[in-house]
C-alpha atoms as a PDB file:
ATOM      1  CA  MET A   1     -17.710  -5.224  -6.277  1.00  0.00           C
ATOM      2  CA  LYS A   2     -14.873  -7.942  -5.566  1.00  0.00           C
ATOM      3  CA  ILE A   3     -11.243  -6.684  -5.221  1.00  0.00           C
ATOM      4  CA  THR A   4      -8.139  -7.760  -3.684  1.00  0.00           C
ATOM      5  CA  VAL A   5      -6.592  -5.717  -0.633  1.00  0.00           C
ATOM      6  CA  ASN A   6      -3.073  -6.780   0.234  1.00  0.00           C
ATOM      7  CA  GLY A   7      -3.520 -10.140  -0.945  1.00  0.00           C
ATOM      8  CA  THR A   8      -7.071 -10.871   0.496  1.00  0.00           C
ATOM      9  CA  ALA A   9     -10.071 -10.741  -1.441  1.00  0.00           C
ATOM     10  CA  GLN A  10     -12.628  -8.180  -0.376  1.00  0.00           C
ATOM     11  CA  GLU A  11     -16.047  -7.047  -1.175  1.00  0.00           C
ATOM     12  CA  THR A  12     -16.496  -3.209  -1.196  1.00  0.00           C
ATOM     13  CA  ALA A  13     -18.969  -0.536  -2.298  1.00  0.00           C
ATOM     14  CA  ALA A  14     -16.131   1.958  -2.684  1.00  0.00           C
ATOM     15  CA  THR A  15     -15.611   3.098  -6.214  1.00  0.00           C
ATOM     16  CA  THR A  16     -12.428   5.303  -5.628  1.00  0.00           C
ATOM     17  CA  LEU A  17      -9.353   4.709  -3.685  1.00  0.00           C
ATOM     18  CA  ASP A  18     -10.050   7.300  -1.174  1.00  0.00           C
ATOM     19  CA  THR A  19     -13.528   5.908  -0.281  1.00  0.00           C
ATOM     20  CA  LEU A  20     -11.914   2.427  -0.011  1.00  0.00           C
ATOM     21  CA  LEU A  21      -9.467   3.910   2.499  1.00  0.00           C
ATOM     22  CA  ILE A  22     -12.213   5.506   4.594  1.00  0.00           C
ATOM     23  CA  GLU A  23     -14.044   2.351   4.342  1.00  0.00           C
ATOM     24  CA  LEU A  24     -11.186   0.173   5.747  1.00  0.00           C
ATOM     25  CA  GLY A  25     -10.613   2.433   8.585  1.00  0.00           C
ATOM     26  CA  TYR A  26      -7.467   4.264   7.272  1.00  0.00           C
ATOM     27  CA  GLY A  27      -9.228   7.610   7.022  1.00  0.00           C
ATOM     28  CA  GLU A  28      -6.474  10.301   6.934  1.00  0.00           C
ATOM     29  CA  ALA A  29      -3.714   7.996   7.819  1.00  0.00           C
ATOM     30  CA  LYS A  30      -0.350   8.259   6.481  1.00  0.00           C
ATOM     31  CA  VAL A  31      -0.184   5.148   4.020  1.00  0.00           C
ATOM     32  CA  ALA A  32       1.445   4.420   0.565  1.00  0.00           C
ATOM     33  CA  THR A  33      -1.095   2.935  -1.997  1.00  0.00           C
ATOM     34  CA  ALA A  34      -0.795   1.181  -5.202  1.00  0.00           C
ATOM     35  CA  VAL A  35      -3.612  -0.194  -7.642  1.00  0.00           C
ATOM     36  CA  ASN A  36      -2.535  -2.974 -10.062  1.00  0.00           C
ATOM     37  CA  GLU A  37       0.973  -2.518  -9.085  1.00  0.00           C
ATOM     38  CA  GLY A  38       0.967   1.249  -9.928  1.00  0.00           C
ATOM     39  CA  PHE A  39       1.746   3.698  -7.257  1.00  0.00           C
ATOM     40  CA  VAL A  40      -1.067   6.076  -6.495  1.00  0.00           C
ATOM     41  CA  PRO A  41       0.023   9.284  -4.567  1.00  0.00           C
ATOM     42  CA  ALA A  42      -2.237  10.793  -1.965  1.00  0.00           C
ATOM     43  CA  THR A  43      -3.590  13.572  -3.943  1.00  0.00           C
ATOM     44  CA  LEU A  44      -4.658  11.425  -6.684  1.00  0.00           C
ATOM     45  CA  ARG A  45      -6.713   8.945  -4.728  1.00  0.00           C
ATOM     46  CA  PRO A  46      -9.943  10.829  -5.163  1.00  0.00           C
ATOM     47  CA  GLU A  47      -9.724  10.431  -8.953  1.00  0.00           C
ATOM     48  CA  GLN A  48      -8.460   6.674  -8.875  1.00  0.00           C
ATOM     49  CA  ARG A  49     -11.411   4.773 -10.001  1.00  0.00           C
ATOM     50  CA  LEU A  50     -11.857   0.954  -8.707  1.00  0.00           C
ATOM     51  CA  ASN A  51     -13.064  -1.752 -10.856  1.00  0.00           C
ATOM     52  CA  GLU A  52     -13.879  -5.419 -10.568  1.00  0.00           C
ATOM     53  CA  GLY A  53     -10.833  -7.458  -9.988  1.00  0.00           C
ATOM     54  CA  ASP A  54      -8.445  -4.563  -9.029  1.00  0.00           C
ATOM     55  CA  ARG A  55      -5.441  -5.323  -6.635  1.00  0.00           C
ATOM     56  CA  VAL A  56      -4.956  -2.674  -4.213  1.00  0.00           C
ATOM     57  CA  GLU A  57      -1.993  -2.521  -1.811  1.00  0.00           C
ATOM     58  CA  ILE A  58      -1.944  -0.263   1.316  1.00  0.00           C
ATOM     59  CA  VAL A  59       1.446   0.030   3.117  1.00  0.00           C
ATOM     60  CA  ALA A  60       1.774   1.958   6.457  1.00  0.00           C
ATOM     61  CA  PRO A  61       4.978   3.265   7.860  1.00  0.00           C
ATOM     62  CA  ARG A  62       6.592   1.150  10.549  1.00  0.00           C
ATOM     63  CA  GLN A  63       9.065   2.405  13.348  1.00  0.00           C
ATOM     64  CA  GLY A  64      11.702   0.375  15.023  1.00  0.00           C
ATOM     65  CA  GLY A  65      15.109  -0.247  15.027  1.00  0.00           C
END
């Protein structure tokens, strides 16, 4: 299915947010996620279904100063 990840069109076989993260190489990384501009906590990612046209944002924390 076609979705948008961080503003970039992406083809995926993932049907849930947690499987998408694994497919994209995030695995167990500490990231913040949103689907269609709604925050999705880590505990709900396995239940968050993905649909054609969804917009997913994945944000990793940054260090610096």
